[in-house]
Amino acid sequence: MQKLVDGIHKFQSESFSQDQKLFETLADGQNLLALFITCSDSRIDPNRLTQTKPGELFIQRTAGNIVPPYGSVFAGEACTIEYAVMALGIKDIIICGHSHCGAMGGLLDPDSIEQMPAVKEYLKHAEATRRIVNENYKHLTDPAKRLTLTVEENVLVQLESLKTHPSVAAAVGRGDLKLHGWVYKFETGEVFGYTPEKNAFLPVEDVEPATPGDRTLPPI
């Protein structure tokens, strides 16, 4: 805890004073580039990853970067998405999974979360991910590769779930909103973006800006 308090003192005496004008402008509102939906995992720092400043990313964090389908849970997730699209006029939404995801590990190994009923219940929103991996990739037995595939498939499943939110569906239909699927490999710093044309995750710098479109699930 002391490290956190010391960090606040350092922020106030150094970082804040260096960027005081920036922080003062935040009182006038946000200058948002995207809604960034990612995992609660502490190893992901969205602002550091994207080199963005305060006021530029609207961030939503949930276990396994899960987006419950609209109407299933009227809680923080639905509220954040709706507000971002309708009140803040977000033009891009990114769902970003990551390597070594504990939530996806629990999805593949239900026994490991048996004593965590809340986690077990929440991961039901990724049941399609589990079924896709178990039924379509039976040949993939290597645990590390299986987890990586699960992380990727879950990003795509959650993108489909995101489109069940009326505000998102309407904005995508008007061409006012674009959806993006990313996977961050934190041990190497690499970020991969999904490209529908090749049905694959490619280095994000090689992925053309996304246009609204559907992805058929499950994959062949």
Protein backbone atom coordinates (compact mmCIF):
# COMPACT_ATOMS: atom_id res chain seq x y z
CA MET A 1 0.00 0.00 0.00
CA GLN A 2 2.83 2.38 0.81
CA LYS A 3 4.14 2.03 -2.73
CA LEU A 4 0.79 3.30 -4.02
CA VAL A 5 0.82 6.30 -1.69
CA ASP A 6 4.41 7.08 -2.65
CA GLY A 7 3.38 6.85 -6.28
CA ILE A 8 0.63 9.43 -5.75
CA HIS A 9 3.11 11.83 -4.16
CA LYS A 10 5.49 11.35 -7.08
CA PHE A 11 2.65 11.88 -9.56
CA GLN A 12 1.59 15.11 -7.89
CA SER A 13 5.11 16.50 -7.59
CA GLU A 14 6.46 15.39 -10.97
CA SER A 15 4.05 14.04 -13.59
CA PHE A 16 1.13 16.36 -12.85
CA SER A 17 3.25 19.49 -12.81
CA GLN A 18 4.87 18.54 -16.12
CA ASP A 19 1.48 18.02 -17.82
CA GLN A 20 -0.62 20.43 -15.78
CA LYS A 21 -2.09 22.16 -18.83
CA LEU A 22 -3.24 18.80 -20.22
CA PHE A 23 -4.92 17.85 -16.95
CA GLU A 24 -6.59 21.25 -16.71
CA THR A 25 -8.14 20.78 -20.17
CA LEU A 26 -9.71 17.49 -18.99
CA ALA A 27 -12.15 19.53 -16.93
CA ASP A 28 -13.70 20.64 -20.22
CA GLY A 29 -14.38 17.08 -21.42
CA GLN A 30 -12.85 14.09 -23.15
CA ASN A 31 -11.22 13.89 -26.57
CA LEU A 32 -11.87 10.22 -27.17
CA LEU A 33 -10.30 8.04 -29.83
CA ALA A 34 -11.97 4.72 -28.96
CA LEU A 35 -13.75 2.54 -26.43
CA PHE A 36 -11.15 -0.02 -25.38
CA ILE A 37 -12.63 -3.20 -23.90
CA THR A 38 -10.03 -5.46 -22.35
CA CYS A 39 -9.37 -7.88 -19.52
CA SER A 40 -9.01 -6.94 -15.86
CA ASP A 41 -5.54 -8.53 -15.89
CA SER A 42 -2.95 -6.20 -14.32
CA ARG A 43 -0.42 -7.00 -17.03
CA ILE A 44 -2.35 -4.90 -19.57
CA ASP A 45 -1.97 -1.12 -19.53
CA PRO A 46 -4.18 0.18 -22.38
CA ASN A 47 -2.81 3.72 -22.31
CA ARG A 48 0.80 2.59 -22.27
CA LEU A 49 0.12 0.00 -24.97
CA THR A 50 -1.48 2.55 -27.30
CA GLN A 51 0.65 5.49 -26.15
CA THR A 52 -2.45 7.54 -25.43
CA LYS A 53 -2.92 10.33 -22.92
CA PRO A 54 -5.61 10.84 -20.27
CA GLY A 55 -8.91 11.68 -21.95
CA GLU A 56 -8.21 9.72 -25.14
CA LEU A 57 -9.38 6.19 -24.26
CA PHE A 58 -12.71 5.19 -22.72
CA ILE A 59 -11.79 1.93 -21.00
CA GLN A 60 -13.93 -1.01 -19.91
CA ARG A 61 -12.27 -3.92 -18.11
CA THR A 62 -13.87 -7.25 -17.33
CA ALA A 63 -12.61 -10.78 -16.67
CA GLY A 64 -11.73 -12.28 -20.05
CA ASN A 65 -12.73 -9.03 -21.85
CA ILE A 66 -16.26 -10.42 -21.82
CA VAL A 67 -19.21 -8.45 -23.17
CA PRO A 68 -22.48 -10.01 -21.95
CA PRO A 69 -25.21 -10.03 -24.63
CA TYR A 70 -27.64 -7.15 -24.38
CA GLY A 71 -30.44 -7.83 -21.92
CA SER A 72 -28.67 -10.65 -20.11
CA VAL A 73 -27.10 -8.32 -17.55
CA PHE A 74 -28.02 -4.66 -17.17
CA ALA A 75 -24.89 -3.69 -15.32
CA GLY A 76 -21.70 -1.74 -15.87
CA GLU A 77 -20.82 -3.33 -19.20
CA ALA A 78 -24.06 -2.40 -20.98
CA CYS A 79 -24.07 1.05 -19.41
CA THR A 80 -20.49 1.79 -20.45
CA ILE A 81 -21.05 0.67 -24.03
CA GLU A 82 -24.30 2.57 -24.43
CA TYR A 83 -22.89 5.75 -22.95
CA ALA A 84 -19.75 5.56 -25.08
CA VAL A 85 -21.73 5.20 -28.30
CA MET A 86 -24.70 7.47 -27.63
CA ALA A 87 -23.38 10.18 -25.33
CA LEU A 88 -19.72 10.32 -26.30
CA GLY A 89 -20.03 9.52 -29.99
CA ILE A 90 -17.32 6.87 -30.04
CA LYS A 91 -16.33 5.92 -33.60
CA ASP A 92 -14.26 2.81 -32.82
CA ILE A 93 -14.58 -0.02 -30.32
CA ILE A 94 -11.68 -2.38 -29.71
CA ILE A 95 -12.02 -5.68 -27.88
CA CYS A 96 -8.52 -6.70 -26.82
CA GLY A 97 -7.68 -10.13 -25.46
CA HIS A 98 -4.24 -11.08 -24.20
CA SER A 99 -1.80 -13.95 -23.85
CA HIS A 100 -1.86 -16.21 -20.77
CA CYS A 101 -5.41 -15.13 -19.88
CA GLY A 102 -6.49 -16.66 -16.58
CA ALA A 103 -10.18 -16.31 -17.41
CA MET A 104 -9.75 -18.28 -20.63
CA GLY A 105 -7.70 -20.82 -18.72
CA GLY A 106 -10.62 -21.24 -16.34
CA LEU A 107 -12.99 -21.58 -19.26
CA LEU A 108 -10.94 -24.54 -20.54
CA ASP A 109 -10.57 -26.05 -17.08
CA PRO A 110 -13.89 -25.65 -15.20
CA ASP A 111 -12.58 -27.60 -12.20
CA SER A 112 -10.09 -24.81 -11.50
CA ILE A 113 -12.91 -22.31 -10.86
CA GLU A 114 -15.33 -24.65 -9.11
CA GLN A 115 -14.91 -22.77 -5.82
CA MET A 116 -15.46 -19.39 -7.53
CA PRO A 117 -19.19 -19.32 -8.30
CA ALA A 118 -19.24 -15.70 -9.49
CA VAL A 119 -16.40 -16.34 -11.94
CA LYS A 120 -18.02 -19.57 -13.12
CA GLU A 121 -21.33 -17.80 -13.75
CA TYR A 122 -19.70 -14.88 -15.56
CA LEU A 123 -17.74 -17.19 -17.86
CA LYS A 124 -21.04 -18.57 -19.16
CA HIS A 125 -20.98 -15.51 -21.41
CA ALA A 126 -18.02 -17.18 -23.13
CA GLU A 127 -19.70 -20.58 -23.52
CA ALA A 128 -19.69 -20.19 -27.31
CA THR A 129 -15.92 -19.78 -27.14
CA ARG A 130 -15.54 -23.01 -25.18
CA ARG A 131 -17.78 -24.92 -27.59
CA ILE A 132 -15.95 -23.61 -30.66
CA VAL A 133 -12.59 -24.69 -29.28
CA ASN A 134 -13.72 -28.06 -27.90
CA GLU A 135 -15.78 -29.11 -30.90
CA ASN A 136 -13.85 -27.60 -33.81
CA TYR A 137 -10.28 -27.99 -32.63
CA LYS A 138 -10.16 -31.44 -31.06
CA HIS A 139 -6.88 -32.06 -32.87
CA LEU A 140 -5.17 -29.20 -31.02
CA THR A 141 -3.83 -30.79 -27.83
CA ASP A 142 -0.90 -28.56 -26.94
CA PRO A 143 -2.11 -26.57 -23.86
CA ALA A 144 -0.30 -23.34 -24.77
CA LYS A 145 -1.55 -23.32 -28.37
CA ARG A 146 -5.03 -24.25 -27.21
CA LEU A 147 -5.10 -21.32 -24.78
CA THR A 148 -3.86 -18.92 -27.47
CA LEU A 149 -6.60 -20.12 -29.83
CA THR A 150 -9.19 -19.72 -27.07
CA VAL A 151 -8.10 -16.13 -26.45
CA GLU A 152 -8.45 -15.37 -30.18
CA GLU A 153 -11.81 -17.08 -30.58
CA ASN A 154 -13.14 -15.34 -27.50
CA VAL A 155 -12.34 -11.93 -28.96
CA LEU A 156 -14.46 -12.84 -31.99
CA VAL A 157 -17.27 -14.25 -29.86
CA GLN A 158 -17.36 -11.09 -27.76
CA LEU A 159 -17.45 -8.94 -30.90
CA GLU A 160 -20.59 -10.83 -31.92
CA SER A 161 -22.01 -10.26 -28.45
CA LEU A 162 -21.16 -6.57 -28.70
CA LYS A 163 -23.32 -6.32 -31.82
CA THR A 164 -26.39 -7.42 -29.82
CA HIS A 165 -26.32 -4.05 -28.05
CA PRO A 166 -28.87 -1.84 -29.85
CA SER A 167 -26.74 1.31 -29.71
CA VAL A 168 -23.85 -0.57 -31.32
CA ALA A 169 -25.98 -2.28 -33.95
CA ALA A 170 -27.58 1.01 -34.97
CA ALA A 171 -24.28 2.89 -35.17
CA VAL A 172 -22.61 0.10 -37.13
CA GLY A 173 -25.60 0.01 -39.49
CA ARG A 174 -25.26 3.75 -40.13
CA GLY A 175 -21.56 3.36 -40.78
CA ASP A 176 -20.74 5.57 -37.79
CA LEU A 177 -18.99 2.87 -35.76
CA LYS A 178 -16.26 0.34 -36.50
CA LEU A 179 -15.44 -2.74 -34.41
CA HIS A 180 -11.96 -4.17 -34.01
CA GLY A 181 -10.61 -7.39 -32.48
CA TRP A 182 -7.09 -7.37 -31.05
CA VAL A 183 -4.90 -9.79 -29.12
CA TYR A 184 -1.97 -8.45 -27.11
CA LYS A 185 1.01 -10.71 -26.42
CA PHE A 186 2.42 -8.91 -23.42
CA GLU A 187 5.66 -10.92 -23.19
CA THR A 188 6.75 -9.70 -26.64
CA GLY A 189 4.81 -6.44 -27.00
CA GLU A 190 3.13 -7.69 -30.17
CA VAL A 191 -0.48 -6.81 -30.98
CA PHE A 192 -2.49 -8.79 -33.53
CA GLY A 193 -5.65 -7.58 -35.23
CA TYR A 194 -8.36 -9.74 -36.76
CA THR A 195 -8.81 -9.44 -40.51
CA PRO A 196 -12.07 -10.95 -41.81
CA GLU A 197 -10.74 -11.38 -45.35
CA LYS A 198 -8.14 -13.88 -44.17
CA ASN A 199 -10.02 -15.07 -41.07
CA ALA A 200 -6.82 -14.64 -39.09
CA PHE A 201 -5.09 -12.42 -36.56
CA LEU A 202 -2.23 -10.53 -38.20
CA PRO A 203 0.21 -7.96 -36.80
CA VAL A 204 -1.99 -4.95 -36.19
CA GLU A 205 0.17 -2.70 -38.34
CA ASP A 206 -0.63 -4.97 -41.32
CA VAL A 207 -4.39 -4.90 -40.80
CA GLU A 208 -6.41 -2.50 -42.90
CA PRO A 209 -8.82 -0.23 -40.99
CA ALA A 210 -11.92 -2.30 -40.28
CA THR A 211 -15.27 -1.71 -41.91
CA PRO A 212 -18.54 -2.90 -40.43
CA GLY A 213 -19.16 -6.51 -41.34
CA ASP A 214 -20.12 -9.89 -40.02
CA ARG A 215 -17.98 -12.85 -39.14
CA THR A 216 -19.63 -16.24 -39.36
CA LEU A 217 -19.30 -18.37 -36.23
CA PRO A 218 -18.12 -20.99 -35.69
CA PRO A 219 -15.08 -20.98 -37.99
CA ILE A 220 -14.49 -23.72 -40.55
